[in-house]
Amino acid sequence: MNGNEGDAGMGRERTTRDLVLETHQDVKWICRALERIEAENREYAARLRAVEEWRSEKRGEERRASAVGTVAGGVVGGAVAVIVKILGGG
């Protein structure tokens, strides 16, 4: 190294080469950071889809249970009406 080479922070003026190298390093760092963020986003999206599927299944089970309850209630109500009619109540 001659006296002009070395760290730009040591009082020498930064050259275009220094700026290009620094920019290149910054771009590489930004690309790696974006890759990590994209991987995290994919993982988050997969987790979100799993939760949405689970909730959808749960809602389907609740609807089926509600429908069975409604049908059972209708059958019981109809049976009670028939019994009341047979017994002469109305």
N, C-alpha and C. Protein backbone atom coordinates (compact mmCIF):
# COMPACT_ATOMS: atom_id res chain seq x y z
N MET A 1 0.84 -1.18 0.00
CA MET A 1 0.00 0.00 0.00
C MET A 1 0.87 1.23 0.00
N ASN A 2 0.49 2.20 -0.79
CA ASN A 2 1.21 3.47 -0.73
C ASN A 2 0.46 4.40 0.21
N GLY A 3 0.89 5.58 0.38
CA GLY A 3 0.30 6.51 1.33
C GLY A 3 -1.11 6.93 0.99
N ASN A 4 -1.55 6.75 -0.26
CA ASN A 4 -2.89 7.14 -0.67
C ASN A 4 -3.93 6.05 -0.43
N GLU A 5 -3.46 4.82 -0.17
CA GLU A 5 -4.39 3.73 0.02
C GLU A 5 -4.70 3.57 1.50
N GLY A 6 -5.79 2.91 1.79
CA GLY A 6 -6.15 2.68 3.17
C GLY A 6 -7.59 3.04 3.41
N ASP A 7 -7.92 3.27 4.65
CA ASP A 7 -9.29 3.55 5.03
C ASP A 7 -9.67 4.96 4.66
N ALA A 8 -10.87 5.09 4.07
CA ALA A 8 -11.34 6.41 3.67
C ALA A 8 -11.58 7.29 4.88
N GLY A 9 -11.81 6.68 6.03
CA GLY A 9 -12.07 7.45 7.23
C GLY A 9 -10.81 8.00 7.88
N MET A 10 -9.65 7.69 7.34
CA MET A 10 -8.38 8.11 7.92
C MET A 10 -7.94 9.48 7.40
N GLY A 11 -8.87 10.25 6.92
CA GLY A 11 -8.56 11.61 6.51
C GLY A 11 -8.35 11.79 5.02
N ARG A 12 -8.31 10.69 4.26
CA ARG A 12 -8.15 10.88 2.82
C ARG A 12 -9.50 10.99 2.17
N GLU A 13 -9.52 11.60 1.01
CA GLU A 13 -10.77 11.77 0.28
C GLU A 13 -11.21 10.45 -0.34
N ARG A 14 -12.50 10.21 -0.33
CA ARG A 14 -13.02 8.97 -0.89
C ARG A 14 -13.06 9.10 -2.41
N THR A 15 -12.61 8.05 -3.06
CA THR A 15 -12.59 8.04 -4.52
C THR A 15 -13.89 7.44 -5.04
N THR A 16 -14.05 7.57 -6.34
CA THR A 16 -15.21 6.97 -6.98
C THR A 16 -15.19 5.46 -6.76
N ARG A 17 -14.01 4.86 -6.82
CA ARG A 17 -13.87 3.42 -6.59
C ARG A 17 -14.36 3.06 -5.18
N ASP A 18 -13.97 3.86 -4.19
CA ASP A 18 -14.42 3.63 -2.81
C ASP A 18 -15.94 3.66 -2.73
N LEU A 19 -16.54 4.65 -3.38
CA LEU A 19 -17.99 4.81 -3.35
C LEU A 19 -18.69 3.64 -4.05
N VAL A 20 -18.11 3.19 -5.19
CA VAL A 20 -18.69 2.08 -5.92
C VAL A 20 -18.62 0.80 -5.08
N LEU A 21 -17.47 0.55 -4.46
CA LEU A 21 -17.33 -0.64 -3.61
C LEU A 21 -18.29 -0.59 -2.43
N GLU A 22 -18.42 0.56 -1.80
CA GLU A 22 -19.34 0.71 -0.67
C GLU A 22 -20.78 0.49 -1.13
N THR A 23 -21.13 1.06 -2.27
CA THR A 23 -22.47 0.90 -2.81
C THR A 23 -22.75 -0.57 -3.13
N HIS A 24 -21.74 -1.24 -3.71
CA HIS A 24 -21.89 -2.66 -4.05
C HIS A 24 -22.13 -3.48 -2.78
N GLN A 25 -21.39 -3.18 -1.73
CA GLN A 25 -21.59 -3.89 -0.46
C GLN A 25 -22.98 -3.60 0.11
N ASP A 26 -23.41 -2.36 0.01
CA ASP A 26 -24.74 -1.99 0.50
C ASP A 26 -25.83 -2.73 -0.28
N VAL A 27 -25.67 -2.81 -1.60
CA VAL A 27 -26.66 -3.50 -2.43
C VAL A 27 -26.71 -4.98 -2.06
N LYS A 28 -25.55 -5.60 -1.86
CA LYS A 28 -25.53 -7.01 -1.45
C LYS A 28 -26.24 -7.20 -0.11
N TRP A 29 -26.00 -6.30 0.84
CA TRP A 29 -26.64 -6.39 2.15
C TRP A 29 -28.16 -6.24 2.01
N ILE A 30 -28.58 -5.28 1.20
CA ILE A 30 -30.01 -5.04 0.98
C ILE A 30 -30.65 -6.28 0.34
N CYS A 31 -29.99 -6.89 -0.64
CA CYS A 31 -30.53 -8.08 -1.30
C CYS A 31 -30.68 -9.23 -0.31
N ARG A 32 -29.69 -9.43 0.55
CA ARG A 32 -29.78 -10.50 1.56
C ARG A 32 -30.93 -10.21 2.54
N ALA A 33 -31.06 -8.94 2.93
CA ALA A 33 -32.14 -8.57 3.85
C ALA A 33 -33.50 -8.81 3.20
N LEU A 34 -33.62 -8.45 1.93
CA LEU A 34 -34.89 -8.67 1.22
C LEU A 34 -35.21 -10.16 1.09
N GLU A 35 -34.19 -10.98 0.84
CA GLU A 35 -34.40 -12.43 0.76
C GLU A 35 -34.91 -12.97 2.09
N ARG A 36 -34.34 -12.49 3.21
CA ARG A 36 -34.81 -12.93 4.53
C ARG A 36 -36.25 -12.49 4.76
N ILE A 37 -36.56 -11.27 4.39
CA ILE A 37 -37.91 -10.74 4.57
C ILE A 37 -38.91 -11.55 3.73
N GLU A 38 -38.54 -11.85 2.49
CA GLU A 38 -39.43 -12.62 1.62
C GLU A 38 -39.66 -14.02 2.19
N ALA A 39 -38.61 -14.64 2.73
CA ALA A 39 -38.76 -15.96 3.34
C ALA A 39 -39.69 -15.88 4.56
N GLU A 40 -39.53 -14.85 5.36
CA GLU A 40 -40.41 -14.66 6.52
C GLU A 40 -41.84 -14.43 6.07
N ASN A 41 -42.03 -13.66 5.00
CA ASN A 41 -43.37 -13.41 4.48
C ASN A 41 -44.02 -14.69 3.99
N ARG A 42 -43.23 -15.54 3.30
CA ARG A 42 -43.79 -16.83 2.83
C ARG A 42 -44.20 -17.69 4.02
N GLU A 43 -43.35 -17.72 5.05
CA GLU A 43 -43.67 -18.50 6.25
C GLU A 43 -44.91 -17.95 6.93
N TYR A 44 -45.00 -16.63 7.05
CA TYR A 44 -46.16 -16.00 7.67
C TYR A 44 -47.43 -16.30 6.87
N ALA A 45 -47.35 -16.22 5.55
CA ALA A 45 -48.51 -16.49 4.70
C ALA A 45 -48.95 -17.94 4.85
N ALA A 46 -48.00 -18.87 4.95
CA ALA A 46 -48.35 -20.28 5.13
C ALA A 46 -49.05 -20.49 6.47
N ARG A 47 -48.54 -19.85 7.51
CA ARG A 47 -49.18 -19.96 8.82
C ARG A 47 -50.59 -19.38 8.80
N LEU A 48 -50.73 -18.23 8.13
CA LEU A 48 -52.04 -17.58 8.04
C LEU A 48 -53.03 -18.47 7.30
N ARG A 49 -52.59 -19.09 6.19
CA ARG A 49 -53.47 -20.00 5.45
C ARG A 49 -53.89 -21.17 6.32
N ALA A 50 -52.97 -21.70 7.11
CA ALA A 50 -53.30 -22.83 8.00
C ALA A 50 -54.36 -22.41 9.02
N VAL A 51 -54.22 -21.22 9.58
CA VAL A 51 -55.20 -20.74 10.55
C VAL A 51 -56.55 -20.53 9.87
N GLU A 52 -56.53 -19.94 8.67
CA GLU A 52 -57.79 -19.71 7.94
C GLU A 52 -58.48 -21.03 7.61
N GLU A 53 -57.70 -22.05 7.22
CA GLU A 53 -58.29 -23.36 6.92
C GLU A 53 -58.89 -23.97 8.18
N TRP A 54 -58.17 -23.85 9.29
CA TRP A 54 -58.67 -24.39 10.56
C TRP A 54 -59.97 -23.71 10.95
N ARG A 55 -60.01 -22.37 10.83
CA ARG A 55 -61.23 -21.63 11.18
C ARG A 55 -62.37 -22.03 10.27
N SER A 56 -62.08 -22.21 8.99
CA SER A 56 -63.11 -22.61 8.03
C SER A 56 -63.66 -23.98 8.40
N GLU A 57 -62.78 -24.92 8.74
CA GLU A 57 -63.24 -26.25 9.17
C GLU A 57 -64.08 -26.14 10.44
N LYS A 58 -63.64 -25.30 11.36
CA LYS A 58 -64.36 -25.13 12.63
C LYS A 58 -65.75 -24.56 12.37
N ARG A 59 -65.83 -23.55 11.49
CA ARG A 59 -67.14 -22.97 11.15
C ARG A 59 -68.05 -24.01 10.51
N GLY A 60 -67.46 -24.85 9.65
CA GLY A 60 -68.24 -25.91 9.01
C GLY A 60 -68.80 -26.89 10.03
N GLU A 61 -67.96 -27.25 11.03
CA GLU A 61 -68.43 -28.14 12.09
C GLU A 61 -69.55 -27.49 12.89
N GLU A 62 -69.39 -26.21 13.18
CA GLU A 62 -70.42 -25.49 13.96
C GLU A 62 -71.72 -25.41 13.17
N ARG A 63 -71.62 -25.18 11.86
CA ARG A 63 -72.83 -25.11 11.03
C ARG A 63 -73.54 -26.46 10.99
N ARG A 64 -72.73 -27.54 10.86
CA ARG A 64 -73.33 -28.88 10.83
C ARG A 64 -74.03 -29.18 12.16
N ALA A 65 -73.39 -28.82 13.25
CA ALA A 65 -73.98 -29.05 14.58
C ALA A 65 -75.25 -28.24 14.72
N SER A 66 -75.23 -27.01 14.24
CA SER A 66 -76.41 -26.15 14.31
C SER A 66 -77.54 -26.71 13.46
N ALA A 67 -77.21 -27.21 12.27
CA ALA A 67 -78.23 -27.78 11.39
C ALA A 67 -78.83 -29.02 12.01
N VAL A 68 -78.00 -29.87 12.61
CA VAL A 68 -78.51 -31.07 13.28
C VAL A 68 -79.42 -30.66 14.43
N GLY A 69 -79.02 -29.65 15.19
CA GLY A 69 -79.84 -29.16 16.29
C GLY A 69 -81.17 -28.62 15.81
N THR A 70 -81.14 -27.92 14.71
CA THR A 70 -82.37 -27.37 14.15
C THR A 70 -83.31 -28.48 13.70
N VAL A 71 -82.76 -29.47 13.01
CA VAL A 71 -83.58 -30.60 12.54
C VAL A 71 -84.13 -31.35 13.74
N ALA A 72 -83.28 -31.61 14.73
CA ALA A 72 -83.74 -32.34 15.92
C ALA A 72 -84.82 -31.55 16.64
N GLY A 73 -84.66 -30.24 16.73
CA GLY A 73 -85.67 -29.39 17.37
C GLY A 73 -86.98 -29.44 16.62
N GLY A 74 -86.91 -29.45 15.31
CA GLY A 74 -88.12 -29.53 14.49
C GLY A 74 -88.83 -30.85 14.67
N VAL A 75 -88.06 -31.91 14.72
CA VAL A 75 -88.65 -33.24 14.90
C VAL A 75 -89.33 -33.33 16.26
N VAL A 76 -88.62 -32.87 17.30
CA VAL A 76 -89.19 -32.91 18.65
C VAL A 76 -90.44 -32.04 18.72
N GLY A 77 -90.36 -30.85 18.14
CA GLY A 77 -91.53 -29.96 18.14
C GLY A 77 -92.71 -30.58 17.44
N GLY A 78 -92.46 -31.23 16.30
CA GLY A 78 -93.53 -31.91 15.56
C GLY A 78 -94.12 -33.05 16.37
N ALA A 79 -93.27 -33.81 17.03
CA ALA A 79 -93.74 -34.93 17.86
C ALA A 79 -94.60 -34.42 19.01
N VAL A 80 -94.19 -33.34 19.63
CA VAL A 80 -94.96 -32.76 20.74
C VAL A 80 -96.32 -32.30 20.22
N ALA A 81 -96.36 -31.68 19.05
CA ALA A 81 -97.63 -31.21 18.48
C ALA A 81 -98.57 -32.39 18.22
N VAL A 82 -98.02 -33.48 17.71
CA VAL A 82 -98.85 -34.66 17.44
C VAL A 82 -99.38 -35.23 18.73
N ILE A 83 -98.55 -35.34 19.75
CA ILE A 83 -98.97 -35.88 21.05
C ILE A 83 -100.05 -35.00 21.67
N VAL A 84 -99.87 -33.70 21.61
CA VAL A 84 -100.85 -32.77 22.18
C VAL A 84 -102.17 -32.93 21.42
N LYS A 85 -102.11 -33.06 20.10
CA LYS A 85 -103.32 -33.22 19.31
C LYS A 85 -104.03 -34.54 19.66
N ILE A 86 -103.24 -35.60 19.82
CA ILE A 86 -103.81 -36.90 20.14
C ILE A 86 -104.49 -36.86 21.52
N LEU A 87 -103.84 -36.19 22.44
CA LEU A 87 -104.38 -36.14 23.79
C LEU A 87 -105.53 -35.13 23.88
N GLY A 88 -105.81 -34.45 22.81
CA GLY A 88 -106.94 -33.55 22.76
C GLY A 88 -106.68 -32.17 23.33
N GLY A 89 -105.44 -31.77 23.33
CA GLY A 89 -105.14 -30.46 23.90
C GLY A 89 -105.27 -29.32 22.92
N GLY A 90 -105.40 -29.51 21.69
CA GLY A 90 -105.51 -28.32 20.91
C GLY A 90 -105.65 -28.48 19.50
